N, C-alpha and C. Protein backbone atom coordinates (compact mmCIF):
# COMPACT_ATOMS: atom_id res chain seq x y z
N UNK A 1 0.83 -1.19 0.00
CA UNK A 1 0.00 0.00 0.00
C UNK A 1 0.87 1.25 0.00
N UNK A 2 0.41 2.25 -0.71
CA UNK A 2 1.10 3.54 -0.71
C UNK A 2 0.65 4.36 0.48
N UNK A 3 1.43 5.39 0.79
CA UNK A 3 1.14 6.24 1.94
C UNK A 3 -0.21 6.93 1.79
N UNK A 4 -0.55 7.37 0.59
CA UNK A 4 -1.81 8.06 0.36
C UNK A 4 -3.01 7.12 0.46
N UNK A 5 -2.79 5.81 0.29
CA UNK A 5 -3.86 4.84 0.45
C UNK A 5 -4.10 4.51 1.91
N UNK A 6 -3.10 4.69 2.75
CA UNK A 6 -3.21 4.34 4.17
C UNK A 6 -3.95 5.44 4.94
N UNK A 7 -3.53 6.69 4.77
CA UNK A 7 -4.17 7.81 5.45
C UNK A 7 -5.37 8.25 4.60
N UNK A 8 -6.58 8.06 5.12
CA UNK A 8 -7.78 8.39 4.35
C UNK A 8 -8.20 9.83 4.56
N UNK A 9 -8.37 10.26 5.82
CA UNK A 9 -8.76 11.64 6.10
C UNK A 9 -8.48 11.96 7.56
N UNK A 10 -8.34 13.23 7.90
CA UNK A 10 -8.16 13.62 9.30
C UNK A 10 -9.50 13.62 10.03
N UNK A 11 -9.46 13.42 11.33
CA UNK A 11 -10.65 13.52 12.17
C UNK A 11 -10.63 14.89 12.81
N UNK A 12 -11.65 15.71 12.54
CA UNK A 12 -11.69 17.08 13.02
C UNK A 12 -12.87 17.24 13.98
N UNK A 13 -12.60 17.08 15.27
CA UNK A 13 -13.61 17.25 16.30
C UNK A 13 -13.04 18.15 17.39
N UNK A 14 -13.87 18.52 18.35
CA UNK A 14 -13.40 19.36 19.45
C UNK A 14 -12.31 18.66 20.25
N UNK A 15 -12.48 17.38 20.45
CA UNK A 15 -11.50 16.61 21.22
C UNK A 15 -10.15 16.55 20.50
N UNK A 16 -10.17 16.37 19.18
CA UNK A 16 -8.91 16.30 18.45
C UNK A 16 -8.25 17.67 18.35
N UNK A 17 -9.04 18.75 18.28
CA UNK A 17 -8.47 20.10 18.27
C UNK A 17 -7.72 20.36 19.58
N UNK A 18 -8.26 19.89 20.70
CA UNK A 18 -7.62 20.10 22.00
C UNK A 18 -6.30 19.34 22.10
N UNK A 19 -6.20 18.20 21.43
CA UNK A 19 -4.98 17.40 21.52
C UNK A 19 -3.89 17.84 20.55
N UNK A 20 -4.19 18.77 19.64
CA UNK A 20 -3.19 19.26 18.69
C UNK A 20 -2.05 19.96 19.42
N UNK A 21 -2.36 20.64 20.52
CA UNK A 21 -1.32 21.33 21.28
C UNK A 21 -0.28 20.36 21.84
N UNK A 22 -0.69 19.12 22.10
CA UNK A 22 0.23 18.09 22.60
C UNK A 22 0.89 17.31 21.48
N UNK A 23 0.72 17.79 20.24
CA UNK A 23 1.26 17.15 19.04
C UNK A 23 0.66 15.75 18.83
N UNK A 24 -0.63 15.62 19.08
CA UNK A 24 -1.37 14.39 18.84
C UNK A 24 -2.39 14.67 17.74
N UNK A 25 -2.33 13.89 16.67
CA UNK A 25 -3.20 14.08 15.51
C UNK A 25 -3.97 12.79 15.26
N UNK A 26 -5.21 12.92 14.83
CA UNK A 26 -6.09 11.77 14.63
C UNK A 26 -6.47 11.66 13.15
N UNK A 27 -6.39 10.45 12.63
CA UNK A 27 -6.70 10.18 11.23
C UNK A 27 -7.58 8.95 11.11
N UNK A 28 -8.42 8.92 10.07
CA UNK A 28 -9.09 7.69 9.66
C UNK A 28 -8.13 7.01 8.70
N UNK A 29 -7.85 5.74 8.95
CA UNK A 29 -6.85 5.02 8.16
C UNK A 29 -7.48 3.77 7.55
N UNK A 30 -6.74 3.14 6.64
CA UNK A 30 -7.20 1.90 6.00
C UNK A 30 -7.33 0.81 7.06
N UNK A 31 -8.36 -0.03 6.92
CA UNK A 31 -8.62 -1.05 7.93
C UNK A 31 -7.51 -2.09 8.03
N UNK A 32 -6.80 -2.34 6.95
CA UNK A 32 -5.76 -3.37 6.95
C UNK A 32 -4.39 -2.82 7.33
N UNK A 33 -4.28 -1.53 7.54
CA UNK A 33 -2.98 -0.92 7.87
C UNK A 33 -2.61 -1.20 9.32
N UNK A 34 -1.33 -1.49 9.55
CA UNK A 34 -0.87 -1.68 10.93
C UNK A 34 -0.14 -0.43 11.41
N UNK A 35 0.29 -0.44 12.68
CA UNK A 35 0.89 0.75 13.28
C UNK A 35 2.16 1.18 12.56
N UNK A 36 2.98 0.24 12.14
CA UNK A 36 4.22 0.56 11.45
C UNK A 36 3.95 1.23 10.11
N UNK A 37 3.00 0.71 9.36
CA UNK A 37 2.65 1.31 8.07
C UNK A 37 2.07 2.71 8.25
N UNK A 38 1.26 2.90 9.28
CA UNK A 38 0.69 4.22 9.56
C UNK A 38 1.79 5.21 9.91
N UNK A 39 2.74 4.78 10.72
CA UNK A 39 3.85 5.64 11.11
C UNK A 39 4.64 6.11 9.89
N UNK A 40 5.02 5.19 9.02
CA UNK A 40 5.79 5.55 7.83
C UNK A 40 4.98 6.42 6.87
N UNK A 41 3.66 6.18 6.79
CA UNK A 41 2.82 6.98 5.90
C UNK A 41 2.73 8.43 6.38
N UNK A 42 2.55 8.64 7.68
CA UNK A 42 2.47 10.00 8.23
C UNK A 42 3.80 10.71 8.06
N UNK A 43 4.90 10.00 8.31
CA UNK A 43 6.23 10.60 8.15
C UNK A 43 6.48 11.00 6.71
N UNK A 44 6.04 10.17 5.78
CA UNK A 44 6.28 10.45 4.35
C UNK A 44 5.41 11.61 3.85
N UNK A 45 4.14 11.62 4.21
CA UNK A 45 3.22 12.64 3.69
C UNK A 45 3.50 14.01 4.29
N UNK A 46 3.69 14.08 5.62
CA UNK A 46 3.78 15.37 6.30
C UNK A 46 5.20 15.78 6.67
N UNK A 47 6.21 14.95 6.41
CA UNK A 47 7.61 15.24 6.73
C UNK A 47 7.81 15.58 8.21
N UNK A 48 7.34 14.69 9.08
CA UNK A 48 7.47 14.84 10.53
C UNK A 48 8.06 13.56 11.11
N UNK A 49 8.39 13.59 12.41
CA UNK A 49 8.88 12.40 13.10
C UNK A 49 7.80 11.91 14.06
N UNK A 50 7.42 10.64 13.93
CA UNK A 50 6.36 10.06 14.74
C UNK A 50 6.98 9.30 15.91
N UNK A 51 6.46 9.59 17.11
CA UNK A 51 6.94 8.89 18.31
C UNK A 51 6.12 7.63 18.57
N UNK A 52 4.78 7.76 18.47
CA UNK A 52 3.91 6.66 18.87
C UNK A 52 2.62 6.70 18.06
N UNK A 53 2.06 5.51 17.81
CA UNK A 53 0.79 5.39 17.09
C UNK A 53 -0.14 4.49 17.90
N UNK A 54 -1.35 4.98 18.17
CA UNK A 54 -2.39 4.17 18.80
C UNK A 54 -3.52 4.01 17.80
N UNK A 55 -4.05 2.79 17.68
CA UNK A 55 -5.12 2.54 16.73
C UNK A 55 -6.34 1.98 17.45
N UNK A 56 -7.51 2.22 16.86
CA UNK A 56 -8.72 1.61 17.37
C UNK A 56 -9.68 1.37 16.22
N UNK A 57 -10.37 0.24 16.29
CA UNK A 57 -11.37 -0.10 15.28
C UNK A 57 -12.72 0.39 15.78
N UNK A 58 -13.39 1.20 14.97
CA UNK A 58 -14.69 1.76 15.33
C UNK A 58 -15.76 0.99 14.58
N UNK A 59 -16.69 0.41 15.32
CA UNK A 59 -17.79 -0.31 14.71
C UNK A 59 -18.78 0.66 14.08
N UNK A 60 -19.51 0.16 13.11
CA UNK A 60 -20.59 0.95 12.54
C UNK A 60 -21.76 1.01 13.51
N UNK A 61 -22.45 2.13 13.51
CA UNK A 61 -23.60 2.30 14.41
C UNK A 61 -24.87 1.81 13.72
N UNK A 62 -25.79 1.28 14.52
CA UNK A 62 -27.08 0.86 14.01
C UNK A 62 -27.95 2.10 13.79
N UNK A 63 -28.43 2.28 12.59
CA UNK A 63 -29.27 3.41 12.24
C UNK A 63 -30.58 2.89 11.66
N UNK A 64 -31.66 3.63 11.91
CA UNK A 64 -32.97 3.26 11.38
C UNK A 64 -33.51 4.38 10.53
N UNK A 65 -34.20 4.00 9.49
CA UNK A 65 -34.94 4.95 8.68
C UNK A 65 -36.30 4.32 8.46
N UNK A 66 -37.27 4.77 9.24
CA UNK A 66 -38.58 4.12 9.21
C UNK A 66 -38.48 2.75 9.84
N UNK A 67 -38.95 1.73 9.14
CA UNK A 67 -38.84 0.38 9.68
C UNK A 67 -37.60 -0.35 9.18
N UNK A 68 -36.84 0.29 8.29
CA UNK A 68 -35.61 -0.32 7.79
C UNK A 68 -34.46 0.05 8.71
N UNK A 69 -33.58 -0.89 8.92
CA UNK A 69 -32.41 -0.59 9.74
C UNK A 69 -31.17 -1.18 9.09
N UNK A 70 -30.04 -0.55 9.40
CA UNK A 70 -28.77 -1.00 8.87
C UNK A 70 -27.65 -0.37 9.66
N UNK A 71 -26.44 -0.69 9.30
CA UNK A 71 -25.27 -0.19 10.01
C UNK A 71 -24.49 0.81 9.15
N UNK A 72 -23.96 1.84 9.79
CA UNK A 72 -23.04 2.74 9.10
C UNK A 72 -21.73 1.98 8.92
N UNK A 73 -20.88 2.39 8.00
CA UNK A 73 -19.64 1.66 7.76
C UNK A 73 -18.70 1.71 8.96
N UNK A 74 -18.02 0.60 9.21
CA UNK A 74 -16.99 0.54 10.24
C UNK A 74 -15.70 1.13 9.67
N UNK A 75 -14.86 1.65 10.56
CA UNK A 75 -13.60 2.25 10.12
C UNK A 75 -12.54 2.09 11.19
N UNK A 76 -11.31 2.40 10.84
CA UNK A 76 -10.18 2.32 11.76
C UNK A 76 -9.64 3.72 11.96
N UNK A 77 -9.33 4.06 13.22
CA UNK A 77 -8.86 5.39 13.57
C UNK A 77 -7.48 5.25 14.19
N UNK A 78 -6.59 6.19 13.87
CA UNK A 78 -5.24 6.19 14.42
C UNK A 78 -4.95 7.53 15.08
N UNK A 79 -4.41 7.49 16.30
CA UNK A 79 -3.96 8.69 17.00
C UNK A 79 -2.44 8.67 16.95
N UNK A 80 -1.86 9.69 16.31
CA UNK A 80 -0.42 9.74 16.07
C UNK A 80 0.19 10.83 16.96
N UNK A 81 1.19 10.45 17.75
CA UNK A 81 1.91 11.41 18.58
C UNK A 81 3.26 11.69 17.96
N UNK A 82 3.57 12.97 17.75
CA UNK A 82 4.84 13.35 17.17
C UNK A 82 5.89 13.54 18.26
N UNK A 83 7.16 13.46 17.87
CA UNK A 83 8.24 13.69 18.83
C UNK A 83 8.28 15.16 19.23
N UNK A 84 8.94 15.45 20.34
CA UNK A 84 8.99 16.82 20.86
C UNK A 84 9.74 17.76 19.91
N UNK A 85 10.77 17.26 19.23
CA UNK A 85 11.56 18.12 18.34
C UNK A 85 11.00 18.18 16.92
N UNK A 86 9.92 17.48 16.65
CA UNK A 86 9.33 17.48 15.32
C UNK A 86 8.50 18.74 15.10
N UNK A 87 8.41 19.15 13.83
CA UNK A 87 7.58 20.32 13.51
C UNK A 87 6.11 19.91 13.50
N UNK A 88 5.22 20.90 13.59
CA UNK A 88 3.79 20.63 13.55
C UNK A 88 3.34 20.34 12.13
N UNK A 89 2.18 19.71 12.02
CA UNK A 89 1.58 19.47 10.71
C UNK A 89 0.84 20.74 10.32
N UNK A 90 1.21 21.31 9.20
CA UNK A 90 0.69 22.62 8.78
C UNK A 90 -0.80 22.58 8.48
N UNK A 91 -1.31 21.46 8.01
CA UNK A 91 -2.74 21.36 7.69
C UNK A 91 -3.58 21.65 8.93
N UNK A 92 -3.22 21.08 10.07
CA UNK A 92 -3.97 21.27 11.29
C UNK A 92 -3.72 22.66 11.89
N UNK A 93 -2.53 23.20 11.67
CA UNK A 93 -2.20 24.50 12.23
C UNK A 93 -3.04 25.61 11.62
N UNK A 94 -3.38 25.46 10.35
CA UNK A 94 -4.19 26.49 9.69
C UNK A 94 -5.64 26.46 10.17
N UNK A 95 -6.09 25.36 10.77
CA UNK A 95 -7.46 25.26 11.26
C UNK A 95 -7.65 25.86 12.63
N UNK A 96 -6.58 25.99 13.39
CA UNK A 96 -6.70 26.47 14.78
C UNK A 96 -6.94 27.96 14.84
């Protein structure tokens, strides 16, 4: 997998905005990607140094529309912590 295939999109919520100051960034990643692949993908795309990667699998939620019900798609989320001497990711800095 290429780096652009691993990192799908950033997660932009109030909780993730608060963690940007601690150099922690959250991304939706490919379900088959492991922590090592995520680390190399973030380093390659954003030119930063990654200290640690935490991942979690998010289940799809049960949703109803009338009498029909189904699940939203499941996805994998990664929380990436950068090293202290690493620069910030400019994409997130422009949002603050």
